[in-house]
């Protein structure tokens, strides 16, 4: 590790420590902090064109705000945000728009979320508390370089980003960001590569070359697994590039990005048979101290798989982050509400009551409403969390899954139900993992129905693969029939019997389909339930029609 990295860690640690202390110091003041944050938001919103149009008043109380402002979704902002981007001015809230961050969410087309100066200040509050706690909990990661994942942009969208690099470090204030860049294993200029594949190749090369790598932060564990798998697939080309310090045929597409050089990594890659094993990655990254990724709900089995390949690192979950805002984050081994950042309300998932954060009680299942410095007001997320305790007065919450449902013919299947179905499966061996439960308008026999996608080991005899698919399809069908509406739809012949498609590399097939549907690489989650409209991918149709 170079002197610049050491200095960067030392200064960054000093800069984020006050954020950690501030988060701790106000844990007993939840209500007053949240009311103060709302007053600040109302003052900024009342001065903006959107606020003037809606009659927002700066002197509203918490209770008046809840009465006057409706619960909203992205469709309530899409036209105004498009106008903001076209006019390059802030319409939702009186704070300069620094950039618009593209996100696909998990079930929708690309949204361009405004990142204002006020919103970035809110993110800075939670980032400094998190990073400050990282230095305290895992001091070893402060002695190595860091990789914080990019929010990957599809090649066809790159011309729309106006030169912005969607770098997770941009959630920090500029001073902390400059210091954080000193600690980075992969330079931010990677995002300027001509294509997403070239950017990923450059990322893998810089990571492979870095023996001092101490911390890896990715959002989806499937993205982390994909990075390791691509390292295997590209190992020959990577070895040549790292041995010479030259991109070879990719050089014209790398926008002047220097190629790292490492004789040690080149030798390991040349000698590697490509099998993903903990031993290889321990030799490549002997100082890796912390691995951070989503690890709840449908992400859990993939997080375990990623953790199993990098056992030398402590694993830390992410909490609930979205491009629109952050709800919980890891702190002192818990996942408390990011109460110093946005204004929060919660919908009780059982009875629909809207609650202030200080009204939450242990065991409740709730859906967050966010009011943020980007101008979103009472923005309802599609996530269900369970209150599982508190730090001081601040609730800690566990992510259960998304609240998105599917209703092909009136069966009312929820994502949480789909997660329960998959959690209850009797799987055949450690190499069989469910990917998602698909709702298809034309499943088997061109009629609507549900299909479980499963990644299985390869090779497997055809008869064994068919037996596996038949067994899992039966399990899914029995579990879904516990839902009265699904059972009725089946009895009425509105839905086909549940099916299963189990293939090697099913995760890669799933991710390819998500990308084709406009979702952003790196942000794509493995979800328990998805509704894919339109043509069924050919690789699935072959099995379903067999």
Protein backbone atom coordinates (compact mmCIF):
# COMPACT_ATOMS: atom_id res chain seq x y z
CA UNK A 1 0.00 0.00 0.00
CA UNK A 2 1.42 3.39 -1.02
CA UNK A 3 2.02 6.44 1.13
CA UNK A 4 -0.95 8.21 -0.51
CA UNK A 5 -3.30 5.41 0.51
CA UNK A 6 -2.00 5.44 4.09
CA UNK A 7 -2.40 9.21 4.31
CA UNK A 8 -5.85 9.00 2.72
CA UNK A 9 -7.04 6.49 5.32
CA UNK A 10 -5.59 8.52 8.19
CA UNK A 11 -7.23 11.78 7.10
CA UNK A 12 -10.51 10.15 6.03
CA UNK A 13 -10.79 8.42 9.40
CA UNK A 14 -10.41 11.79 11.12
CA UNK A 15 -12.99 13.41 8.84
CA UNK A 16 -15.71 10.76 9.24
CA UNK A 17 -15.31 10.33 13.01
CA UNK A 18 -17.53 13.37 13.80
CA UNK A 19 -20.32 11.87 11.65
CA UNK A 20 -20.17 8.64 13.64
CA UNK A 21 -20.19 10.53 16.94
CA UNK A 22 -23.07 12.75 15.78
CA UNK A 23 -25.15 9.68 14.92
CA UNK A 24 -24.48 8.23 18.38
CA UNK A 25 -25.04 11.48 20.29
CA UNK A 26 -28.61 12.03 19.04
CA UNK A 27 -29.92 8.47 19.33
CA UNK A 28 -32.12 9.61 22.23
CA UNK A 29 -33.66 12.52 20.31
CA UNK A 30 -35.47 10.79 17.46
CA UNK A 31 -38.67 12.84 17.43
CA UNK A 32 -37.03 16.24 17.78
CA UNK A 33 -34.43 15.42 15.10
CA UNK A 34 -37.09 14.24 12.65
CA UNK A 35 -39.33 17.26 13.25
CA UNK A 36 -36.35 19.56 12.69
CA UNK A 37 -35.48 17.78 9.45
CA UNK A 38 -39.07 18.22 8.24
CA UNK A 39 -38.98 21.96 9.02
CA UNK A 40 -35.80 22.28 6.97
CA UNK A 41 -37.37 20.35 4.09
CA UNK A 42 -40.57 22.42 4.16
CA UNK A 43 -38.60 25.67 3.99
CA UNK A 44 -36.76 24.49 0.87
CA UNK A 45 -39.81 22.89 -0.77
CA UNK A 46 -42.08 25.91 -0.21
CA UNK A 47 -39.72 28.12 -2.26
CA UNK A 48 -39.60 25.76 -5.28
CA UNK A 49 -42.01 25.86 -8.27
CA UNK A 50 -43.44 22.46 -7.35
CA UNK A 51 -44.03 23.53 -3.75
CA UNK A 52 -45.67 26.77 -4.82
CA UNK A 53 -47.96 24.83 -7.14
CA UNK A 54 -48.93 22.38 -4.38
CA UNK A 55 -49.33 25.05 -1.71
CA UNK A 56 -46.57 23.73 0.57
CA UNK A 57 -46.16 25.94 3.65
CA UNK A 58 -42.88 26.35 5.51
CA UNK A 59 -44.65 26.57 8.89
CA UNK A 60 -46.55 23.27 8.67
CA UNK A 61 -46.26 20.96 11.64
CA UNK A 62 -45.50 17.25 11.21
CA UNK A 63 -49.21 16.49 11.58
CA UNK A 64 -50.29 19.17 9.08
CA UNK A 65 -47.72 17.94 6.55
CA UNK A 66 -49.10 14.39 6.85
CA UNK A 67 -52.66 15.65 6.35
CA UNK A 68 -51.95 17.97 3.43
CA UNK A 69 -49.47 15.99 1.35
CA UNK A 70 -50.50 12.75 -0.38
CA UNK A 71 -48.44 9.58 -0.48
CA UNK A 72 -46.58 9.54 -3.80
CA UNK A 73 -44.83 7.25 -6.27
CA UNK A 74 -42.38 7.81 -9.12
CA UNK A 75 -45.16 8.55 -11.62
CA UNK A 76 -45.95 11.71 -9.62
CA UNK A 77 -42.47 13.09 -10.40
CA UNK A 78 -41.53 11.66 -13.79
CA UNK A 79 -42.75 14.60 -15.91
CA UNK A 80 -41.28 17.25 -13.60
CA UNK A 81 -37.93 15.45 -13.46
CA UNK A 82 -37.86 15.23 -17.26
CA UNK A 83 -38.49 18.97 -17.39
CA UNK A 84 -35.74 19.55 -14.81
CA UNK A 85 -33.26 17.63 -16.92
CA UNK A 86 -34.27 19.49 -20.08
CA UNK A 87 -34.14 22.96 -18.49
CA UNK A 88 -31.19 22.21 -16.19
CA UNK A 89 -32.94 23.82 -13.23
CA UNK A 90 -34.37 22.67 -9.90
CA UNK A 91 -38.17 22.50 -9.90
CA UNK A 92 -38.94 20.09 -7.04
CA UNK A 93 -37.02 21.77 -4.22
CA UNK A 94 -34.90 24.89 -3.68
CA UNK A 95 -31.51 23.21 -3.88
CA UNK A 96 -29.18 23.00 -6.90
CA UNK A 97 -29.39 19.75 -8.86
CA UNK A 98 -25.86 18.34 -9.06
CA UNK A 99 -26.77 15.43 -11.35
CA UNK A 100 -29.53 12.95 -12.16
CA UNK A 101 -28.75 9.39 -11.15
CA UNK A 102 -30.19 6.67 -13.39
CA UNK A 103 -31.74 3.66 -11.76
CA UNK A 104 -34.00 0.94 -13.02
CA UNK A 105 -35.30 0.02 -9.62
CA UNK A 106 -36.13 -3.66 -9.65
CA UNK A 107 -39.31 -3.79 -11.66
CA UNK A 108 -39.50 -0.59 -13.69
CA UNK A 109 -37.83 1.18 -16.56
CA UNK A 110 -34.97 3.62 -16.00
CA UNK A 111 -35.73 6.51 -13.67
CA UNK A 112 -33.49 9.58 -13.39
CA UNK A 113 -33.43 10.51 -9.71
CA UNK A 114 -32.35 14.12 -9.00
CA UNK A 115 -29.35 14.40 -6.69
CA UNK A 116 -29.46 17.91 -5.24
CA UNK A 117 -26.92 19.49 -2.93
CA UNK A 118 -29.41 19.07 -0.05
CA UNK A 119 -29.90 15.38 -0.86
CA UNK A 120 -26.15 14.76 -1.10
CA UNK A 121 -25.76 16.38 2.33
CA UNK A 122 -28.33 13.89 3.64
CA UNK A 123 -26.38 10.99 2.15
CA UNK A 124 -23.14 12.38 3.57
CA UNK A 125 -24.66 12.11 7.06
CA UNK A 126 -25.22 8.38 6.77
CA UNK A 127 -22.06 7.61 4.78
CA UNK A 128 -19.83 9.26 7.38
CA UNK A 129 -21.54 7.40 10.21
CA UNK A 130 -21.17 4.09 8.35
CA UNK A 131 -17.56 4.60 7.29
CA UNK A 132 -16.63 5.91 10.74
CA UNK A 133 -18.09 2.77 12.29
CA UNK A 134 -16.21 0.63 9.73
CA UNK A 135 -12.90 2.06 10.88
CA UNK A 136 -13.85 1.39 14.50
CA UNK A 137 -15.24 -2.14 14.00
CA UNK A 138 -12.76 -3.39 11.39
CA UNK A 139 -9.49 -1.51 11.79
CA UNK A 140 -7.68 -3.93 9.45
CA UNK A 141 -9.61 -2.63 6.42
CA UNK A 142 -7.99 0.75 7.06
CA UNK A 143 -4.60 -0.74 6.14
CA UNK A 144 -5.54 -1.71 2.58
CA UNK A 145 -7.09 -0.26 -0.54
CA UNK A 146 -10.86 -0.14 -1.06
CA UNK A 147 -13.19 -1.02 -3.92
CA UNK A 148 -16.54 0.77 -3.86
CA UNK A 149 -18.62 -0.40 -6.80
CA UNK A 150 -19.75 1.86 -9.57
CA UNK A 151 -23.44 2.16 -10.39
CA UNK A 152 -22.93 0.62 -13.81
CA UNK A 153 -24.42 2.36 -16.82
CA UNK A 154 -25.51 0.34 -19.87
CA UNK A 155 -23.52 1.28 -22.96
CA UNK A 156 -26.58 2.73 -24.72
CA UNK A 157 -27.31 5.11 -21.79
CA UNK A 158 -23.81 6.53 -21.45
CA UNK A 159 -24.48 9.41 -23.83
CA UNK A 160 -27.33 10.55 -21.55
CA UNK A 161 -25.24 10.96 -18.39
CA UNK A 162 -23.72 14.30 -19.46
CA UNK A 163 -20.24 13.16 -18.47
CA UNK A 164 -21.25 12.16 -14.94
CA UNK A 165 -19.57 9.09 -13.51
CA UNK A 166 -22.01 7.18 -11.34
CA UNK A 167 -19.48 6.58 -8.62
CA UNK A 168 -20.62 5.56 -5.12
CA UNK A 169 -17.95 7.92 -3.75
CA UNK A 170 -20.02 10.81 -5.09
CA UNK A 171 -22.35 10.34 -2.13
CA UNK A 172 -19.60 11.87 0.05
CA UNK A 173 -18.89 15.58 0.35
CA UNK A 174 -16.11 16.73 -1.97
CA UNK A 175 -13.41 16.86 0.72
CA UNK A 176 -14.06 13.34 1.98
CA UNK A 177 -14.42 12.19 -1.61
CA UNK A 178 -10.95 13.44 -2.53
CA UNK A 179 -9.46 11.57 0.41
CA UNK A 180 -11.50 8.45 -0.33
CA UNK A 181 -10.14 8.41 -3.90
CA UNK A 182 -6.64 8.12 -2.44
CA UNK A 183 -7.66 4.79 -0.90
CA UNK A 184 -9.29 3.32 -4.02
CA UNK A 185 -8.09 0.16 -5.75
CA UNK A 186 -9.79 1.06 -9.05
CA UNK A 187 -9.61 4.59 -10.54
CA UNK A 188 -12.88 6.41 -11.17
CA UNK A 189 -11.91 6.99 -14.83
CA UNK A 190 -12.82 3.35 -15.51
CA UNK A 191 -16.40 4.50 -16.04
CA UNK A 192 -15.28 6.43 -19.12
CA UNK A 193 -14.46 3.23 -21.00
CA UNK A 194 -16.38 2.97 -24.24
CA UNK A 195 -18.54 -0.03 -23.29
CA UNK A 196 -19.77 -1.65 -20.10
CA UNK A 197 -17.74 -4.76 -20.89
CA UNK A 198 -14.53 -2.76 -21.24
CA UNK A 199 -15.25 -0.96 -17.97
CA UNK A 200 -15.79 -4.30 -16.25
CA UNK A 201 -12.58 -5.73 -17.75
CA UNK A 202 -10.63 -2.70 -16.48
CA UNK A 203 -12.19 -3.08 -13.04
CA UNK A 204 -11.26 -6.74 -12.83
CA UNK A 205 -7.72 -5.96 -13.99
CA UNK A 206 -7.18 -3.25 -11.36
CA UNK A 207 -8.60 -5.46 -8.61
CA UNK A 208 -6.53 -8.49 -9.66
CA UNK A 209 -3.37 -6.36 -9.67
CA UNK A 210 -3.93 -5.08 -6.12
CA UNK A 211 -2.37 -7.30 -3.43
CA UNK A 212 -3.26 -4.63 -0.84
CA UNK A 213 -7.03 -4.85 -1.39
CA UNK A 214 -8.61 -4.59 2.05
CA UNK A 215 -12.30 -3.79 1.46
CA UNK A 216 -14.86 -4.70 -1.21
CA UNK A 217 -18.26 -3.00 -1.36
CA UNK A 218 -20.76 -4.17 -3.97
CA UNK A 219 -24.53 -3.82 -3.88
CA UNK A 220 -25.78 -7.10 -5.30
CA UNK A 221 -23.83 -10.23 -4.32
CA UNK A 222 -24.60 -11.58 -7.80
CA UNK A 223 -22.60 -8.69 -9.24
CA UNK A 224 -19.71 -9.62 -6.94
CA UNK A 225 -19.93 -13.24 -8.07
CA UNK A 226 -20.02 -12.03 -11.66
CA UNK A 227 -16.78 -10.11 -11.17
CA UNK A 228 -15.05 -13.26 -9.89
CA UNK A 229 -16.51 -15.36 -12.72
CA UNK A 230 -15.37 -12.84 -15.33
CA UNK A 231 -11.91 -12.91 -13.82
CA UNK A 232 -11.92 -16.64 -14.50
CA UNK A 233 -13.28 -16.25 -18.03
CA UNK A 234 -10.78 -13.52 -18.90
CA UNK A 235 -7.81 -14.95 -16.99
CA UNK A 236 -5.64 -15.42 -20.09
CA UNK A 237 -6.25 -11.92 -21.45
CA UNK A 238 -5.87 -10.44 -17.96
CA UNK A 239 -2.55 -12.21 -17.42
CA UNK A 240 -1.19 -10.77 -20.67
CA UNK A 241 -2.43 -7.26 -19.89
CA UNK A 242 -1.02 -7.27 -16.34
CA UNK A 243 2.31 -8.73 -17.45
CA UNK A 244 2.80 -6.01 -20.10
CA UNK A 245 0.91 -3.13 -18.45
CA UNK A 246 -1.03 -2.71 -21.70
CA UNK A 247 -4.70 -3.16 -22.63
CA UNK A 248 -3.88 -4.72 -25.97
CA UNK A 249 -6.77 -4.67 -28.44
CA UNK A 250 -8.99 -2.92 -25.88
CA UNK A 251 -6.69 0.12 -25.62
CA UNK A 252 -8.58 2.36 -28.12
CA UNK A 253 -11.77 1.92 -26.07
CA UNK A 254 -10.22 2.68 -22.66
CA UNK A 255 -10.28 6.51 -22.93
CA UNK A 256 -6.63 6.84 -21.95
CA UNK A 257 -7.01 4.85 -18.72
CA UNK A 258 -3.62 3.40 -17.72
CA UNK A 259 -3.36 -0.38 -17.49
CA UNK A 260 -2.03 -1.71 -14.15
CA UNK A 261 1.01 -3.95 -14.09
CA UNK A 262 1.58 -6.88 -11.74
CA UNK A 263 3.91 -9.79 -12.41
CA UNK A 264 2.56 -11.52 -9.28
CA UNK A 265 -1.09 -11.36 -10.42
CA UNK A 266 -0.15 -12.32 -13.99
CA UNK A 267 1.61 -15.44 -12.70
CA UNK A 268 -1.36 -16.43 -10.49
CA UNK A 269 -3.77 -15.96 -13.39
CA UNK A 270 -1.62 -17.98 -15.82
CA UNK A 271 -1.38 -20.87 -13.34
CA UNK A 272 -5.09 -20.77 -12.46
CA UNK A 273 -7.37 -23.47 -13.84
CA UNK A 274 -10.30 -21.06 -13.58
CA UNK A 275 -12.11 -22.89 -10.75
CA UNK A 276 -13.58 -20.44 -8.22
CA UNK A 277 -11.96 -21.49 -4.94
CA UNK A 278 -11.26 -19.68 -1.66
CA UNK A 279 -7.58 -20.65 -1.97
CA UNK A 280 -7.07 -18.75 -5.22
CA UNK A 281 -8.68 -15.56 -3.95
CA UNK A 282 -6.81 -15.78 -0.64
CA UNK A 283 -3.54 -15.87 -2.61
CA UNK A 284 -4.70 -12.98 -4.81
CA UNK A 285 -6.02 -10.78 -1.94
CA UNK A 286 -4.29 -11.85 1.29
CA UNK A 287 -5.19 -8.59 3.09
CA UNK A 288 -8.91 -8.53 2.32
CA UNK A 289 -10.57 -7.63 5.63
CA UNK A 290 -14.21 -6.71 4.87
CA UNK A 291 -16.75 -7.69 2.22
CA UNK A 292 -20.02 -5.73 2.05
CA UNK A 293 -23.13 -6.66 0.01
CA UNK A 294 -26.88 -7.14 0.25
CA UNK A 295 -27.54 -10.29 2.26
CA UNK A 296 -31.25 -10.40 3.11
CA UNK A 297 -34.36 -11.95 1.54
CA UNK A 298 -33.66 -13.32 -1.97
CA UNK A 299 -30.04 -12.09 -1.87
CA UNK A 300 -29.19 -14.31 1.12
CA UNK A 301 -28.09 -17.54 -0.66
CA UNK A 302 -25.99 -15.58 -3.17
CA UNK A 303 -24.37 -13.57 -0.38
CA UNK A 304 -23.45 -16.84 1.35
CA UNK A 305 -21.93 -18.12 -1.90
CA UNK A 306 -19.86 -14.94 -2.34
CA UNK A 307 -18.79 -15.01 1.30
CA UNK A 308 -17.72 -18.64 0.91
CA UNK A 309 -15.27 -17.65 -1.84
CA UNK A 310 -13.76 -14.85 0.27
CA UNK A 311 -13.71 -16.31 3.81
CA UNK A 312 -10.67 -14.27 4.81
CA UNK A 313 -12.95 -11.20 4.98
CA UNK A 314 -15.53 -10.22 7.58
CA UNK A 315 -18.95 -9.98 5.95
CA UNK A 316 -21.22 -6.97 6.46
CA UNK A 317 -24.74 -6.56 5.08
CA UNK A 318 -25.89 -3.30 3.50
CA UNK A 319 -29.20 -2.48 5.09
CA UNK A 320 -31.79 -0.87 2.82
CA UNK A 321 -30.43 1.62 0.29
CA UNK A 322 -32.15 2.81 -2.87
CA UNK A 323 -31.23 5.44 -5.42
CA UNK A 324 -34.13 7.50 -4.03
CA UNK A 325 -32.75 7.40 -0.49
CA UNK A 326 -31.37 5.32 2.37
CA UNK A 327 -33.53 3.76 5.07
CA UNK A 328 -31.16 1.62 7.17
CA UNK A 329 -27.41 1.03 7.19
CA UNK A 330 -24.95 -1.13 9.17
CA UNK A 331 -23.90 0.44 12.47
CA UNK A 332 -22.61 -1.30 15.61
CA UNK A 333 -23.72 -4.65 14.24
CA UNK A 334 -27.33 -3.47 13.78
CA UNK A 335 -29.32 -1.79 11.00
CA UNK A 336 -30.73 1.42 12.47
CA UNK A 337 -32.89 3.98 10.69
CA UNK A 338 -30.85 6.72 8.97
CA UNK A 339 -32.72 9.25 11.11
CA UNK A 340 -30.25 12.11 10.59
CA UNK A 341 -30.74 12.03 6.82
CA UNK A 342 -34.27 12.07 5.42
CA UNK A 343 -37.75 12.52 6.90
CA UNK A 344 -39.34 9.13 7.52
CA UNK A 345 -42.86 7.80 7.94
CA UNK A 346 -43.98 4.18 7.77
CA UNK A 347 -47.10 2.41 6.56
CA UNK A 348 -48.11 -0.50 8.77
CA UNK A 349 -48.16 -3.46 6.38
CA UNK A 350 -51.08 -5.06 8.27
CA UNK A 351 -53.59 -2.25 8.70
CA UNK A 352 -52.32 0.60 6.49
CA UNK A 353 -51.89 3.14 9.30
CA UNK A 354 -49.20 5.74 8.70
CA UNK A 355 -46.80 6.01 11.64
CA UNK A 356 -44.03 8.39 12.61
CA UNK A 357 -40.69 6.65 13.30
CA UNK A 358 -41.01 7.22 17.03
CA UNK A 359 -44.34 5.33 16.96
CA UNK A 360 -42.85 2.08 15.68
CA UNK A 361 -42.93 -0.97 17.93
CA UNK A 362 -40.90 -4.17 17.88
CA UNK A 363 -42.31 -6.86 15.59
CA UNK A 364 -44.21 -4.51 13.27
CA UNK A 365 -43.90 -5.00 9.50
CA UNK A 366 -43.75 -1.61 7.81
CA UNK A 367 -43.26 0.07 4.42
CA UNK A 368 -41.17 3.29 4.34
CA UNK A 369 -42.32 6.70 3.12
CA UNK A 370 -39.37 9.00 2.33
CA UNK A 371 -39.27 12.79 2.17
CA UNK A 372 -35.86 13.77 0.86
CA UNK A 373 -33.67 16.65 -0.22
CA UNK A 374 -34.15 15.60 -3.85
CA UNK A 375 -37.72 16.91 -3.59
CA UNK A 376 -39.54 13.62 -3.13
CA UNK A 377 -42.37 13.97 -0.59
CA UNK A 378 -43.91 11.00 1.23
CA UNK A 379 -42.47 8.75 -1.48
CA UNK A 380 -43.62 5.17 -0.91
CA UNK A 381 -41.00 2.50 -1.39
CA UNK A 382 -41.87 -1.07 -2.36
CA UNK A 383 -39.99 -2.66 0.54
CA UNK A 384 -41.23 -4.35 3.69
CA UNK A 385 -39.14 -4.20 6.86
CA UNK A 386 -39.62 -5.63 10.33
CA UNK A 387 -38.85 -3.61 13.44
CA UNK A 388 -36.42 -5.76 15.42
CA UNK A 389 -35.27 -3.48 18.24
CA UNK A 390 -33.71 -0.08 18.72
CA UNK A 391 -30.49 1.85 19.32
CA UNK A 392 -31.58 4.37 21.90
CA UNK A 393 -34.89 5.63 20.51
CA UNK A 394 -33.96 4.87 16.91
CA UNK A 395 -35.65 1.76 15.47
CA UNK A 396 -33.54 -0.98 13.90
CA UNK A 397 -35.15 -2.81 11.00
CA UNK A 398 -34.63 -5.98 8.97
CA UNK A 399 -35.44 -6.05 5.27
CA UNK A 400 -38.01 -8.79 4.52
CA UNK A 401 -38.51 -8.27 0.80
CA UNK A 402 -40.34 -6.14 -1.70
CA UNK A 403 -44.04 -5.47 -1.52
CA UNK A 404 -44.53 -5.68 -5.29
CA UNK A 405 -47.23 -8.15 -6.14
CA UNK A 406 -48.31 -9.98 -9.27
CA UNK A 407 -51.92 -10.40 -10.27
CA UNK A 408 -52.11 -12.24 -13.59
CA UNK A 409 -55.74 -13.36 -13.20
CA UNK A 410 -56.70 -12.24 -9.69
CA UNK A 411 -54.44 -14.63 -7.74
CA UNK A 412 -52.74 -11.79 -5.80
CA UNK A 413 -49.27 -13.28 -5.33
CA UNK A 414 -46.98 -11.13 -3.19
CA UNK A 415 -43.19 -10.97 -3.18
CA UNK A 416 -43.11 -11.95 0.49
CA UNK A 417 -45.23 -15.02 -0.30
CA UNK A 418 -42.84 -15.93 -3.15
CA UNK A 419 -39.92 -15.60 -0.74
CA UNK A 420 -41.66 -17.91 1.75
CA UNK A 421 -42.24 -20.45 -1.03
CA UNK A 422 -38.53 -20.44 -1.91
CA UNK A 423 -37.41 -20.51 1.72
CA UNK A 424 -39.52 -23.66 2.21
CA UNK A 425 -38.10 -25.61 -0.72
CA UNK A 426 -36.40 -28.93 -0.08
CA UNK A 427 -33.40 -28.51 -2.37
CA UNK A 428 -31.20 -31.30 -3.65
CA UNK A 429 -27.70 -30.38 -2.57
CA UNK A 430 -25.74 -27.21 -2.01
CA UNK A 431 -25.35 -26.59 -5.76
CA UNK A 432 -29.07 -26.03 -6.33
CA UNK A 433 -30.21 -22.44 -5.72
CA UNK A 434 -33.53 -20.76 -6.56
CA UNK A 435 -33.11 -17.59 -8.62
CA UNK A 436 -36.66 -16.21 -8.84
CA UNK A 437 -40.30 -17.11 -9.24
CA UNK A 438 -41.45 -15.82 -12.62
CA UNK A 439 -44.99 -14.83 -13.43
CA UNK A 440 -45.45 -15.26 -17.18
CA UNK A 441 -48.37 -14.18 -19.32
CA UNK A 442 -47.64 -17.23 -21.51
CA UNK A 443 -46.00 -19.93 -19.40
CA UNK A 444 -46.84 -23.52 -20.34
CA UNK A 445 -49.19 -24.21 -23.26
CA UNK A 446 -49.24 -20.44 -23.93
CA UNK A 447 -51.37 -19.84 -20.82
CA UNK A 448 -50.41 -17.71 -17.79
CA UNK A 449 -48.63 -19.30 -14.87
CA UNK A 450 -45.66 -19.33 -12.52
CA UNK A 451 -42.22 -20.75 -13.27
CA UNK A 452 -39.46 -21.23 -10.72
CA UNK A 453 -36.00 -20.52 -12.13
CA UNK A 454 -33.26 -22.59 -10.51
CA UNK A 455 -29.51 -22.69 -10.96
CA UNK A 456 -28.30 -26.28 -10.79
CA UNK A 457 -24.95 -27.96 -10.95
CA UNK A 458 -23.49 -29.00 -14.27
CA UNK A 459 -23.16 -31.55 -15.68
CA UNK A 460 -26.30 -33.49 -14.70
CA UNK A 461 -27.90 -36.40 -16.58
CA UNK A 462 -31.05 -35.40 -18.46
CA UNK A 463 -33.27 -37.73 -16.43
CA UNK A 464 -31.90 -36.34 -13.15
CA UNK A 465 -32.44 -32.77 -14.34
CA UNK A 466 -36.01 -33.55 -15.35
CA UNK A 467 -36.67 -35.24 -12.00
CA UNK A 468 -35.31 -32.19 -10.19
CA UNK A 469 -37.55 -29.85 -12.19
CA UNK A 470 -40.60 -32.04 -11.61
CA UNK A 471 -39.98 -32.27 -7.85
CA UNK A 472 -39.44 -28.53 -7.40
CA UNK A 473 -42.46 -27.67 -9.56
CA UNK A 474 -44.61 -29.87 -7.31
CA UNK A 475 -43.23 -28.17 -4.20
CA UNK A 476 -43.96 -24.71 -5.62
CA UNK A 477 -47.46 -25.69 -6.68
CA UNK A 478 -48.30 -27.07 -3.22
CA UNK A 479 -46.94 -23.95 -1.52
CA UNK A 480 -48.76 -21.53 -3.83
CA UNK A 481 -52.05 -23.36 -3.30
CA UNK A 482 -51.92 -22.22 0.32
CA UNK A 483 -53.03 -18.87 -1.14
CA UNK A 484 -56.82 -19.01 -1.51
CA UNK A 485 -56.86 -16.77 -4.61
CA UNK A 486 -54.19 -18.83 -6.37
CA UNK A 487 -56.01 -22.08 -5.54
CA UNK A 488 -59.27 -20.67 -6.92
CA UNK A 489 -57.57 -19.49 -10.12
CA UNK A 490 -56.11 -22.97 -10.61
CA UNK A 491 -59.47 -24.65 -10.01
CA UNK A 492 -61.09 -22.31 -12.53
CA UNK A 493 -58.42 -23.16 -15.11
CA UNK A 494 -57.16 -19.56 -15.26
CA UNK A 495 -53.57 -20.51 -14.43
CA UNK A 496 -51.35 -23.35 -15.55
CA UNK A 497 -49.78 -25.59 -12.94
CA UNK A 498 -46.49 -24.18 -11.63
CA UNK A 499 -43.39 -25.24 -13.53
CA UNK A 500 -39.65 -25.23 -12.89
CA UNK A 501 -36.72 -24.62 -15.21
CA UNK A 502 -33.38 -25.71 -13.71
CA UNK A 503 -30.30 -24.92 -15.78
CA UNK A 504 -26.60 -24.35 -15.17
CA UNK A 505 -25.77 -20.62 -15.17
CA UNK A 506 -29.43 -19.70 -14.61
CA UNK A 507 -28.30 -16.64 -12.68
CA UNK A 508 -26.44 -15.37 -15.76
CA UNK A 509 -29.52 -16.02 -17.93
CA UNK A 510 -31.67 -14.10 -15.46
CA UNK A 511 -29.25 -11.16 -15.30
CA UNK A 512 -29.04 -11.00 -19.10
CA UNK A 513 -32.82 -10.79 -19.30
CA UNK A 514 -32.89 -8.05 -16.65
CA UNK A 515 -30.36 -6.03 -18.65
CA UNK A 516 -32.40 -6.51 -21.82
CA UNK A 517 -35.36 -5.07 -19.91
CA UNK A 518 -33.40 -1.86 -19.21
CA UNK A 519 -32.15 -2.51 -15.69
CA UNK A 520 -28.85 -1.08 -14.43
CA UNK A 521 -25.87 -3.43 -14.00
CA UNK A 522 -24.66 -3.60 -10.42
CA UNK A 523 -28.08 -2.54 -9.07
CA UNK A 524 -29.93 -5.62 -10.32
CA UNK A 525 -31.23 -7.61 -7.39
CA UNK A 526 -32.18 -11.24 -7.28
CA UNK A 527 -35.86 -10.76 -6.45
CA UNK A 528 -38.16 -13.51 -5.15
CA UNK A 529 -40.90 -12.61 -7.65
CA UNK A 530 -40.88 -11.06 -11.11
CA UNK A 531 -43.47 -10.51 -13.81
CA UNK A 532 -41.89 -10.73 -17.26
CA UNK A 533 -44.26 -9.44 -19.91
CA UNK A 534 -43.89 -10.21 -23.56
CA UNK A 535 -41.96 -13.00 -25.22
CA UNK A 536 -40.61 -15.74 -23.00
CA UNK A 537 -36.83 -16.14 -23.46
CA UNK A 538 -36.09 -18.97 -25.88
CA UNK A 539 -33.93 -20.86 -23.40
CA UNK A 540 -36.93 -21.10 -21.04
CA UNK A 541 -39.47 -21.77 -23.78
CA UNK A 542 -37.55 -24.89 -24.88
CA UNK A 543 -37.97 -26.44 -21.44
CA UNK A 544 -41.55 -25.26 -20.89
CA UNK A 545 -42.71 -26.62 -24.24
CA UNK A 546 -40.89 -29.96 -23.86
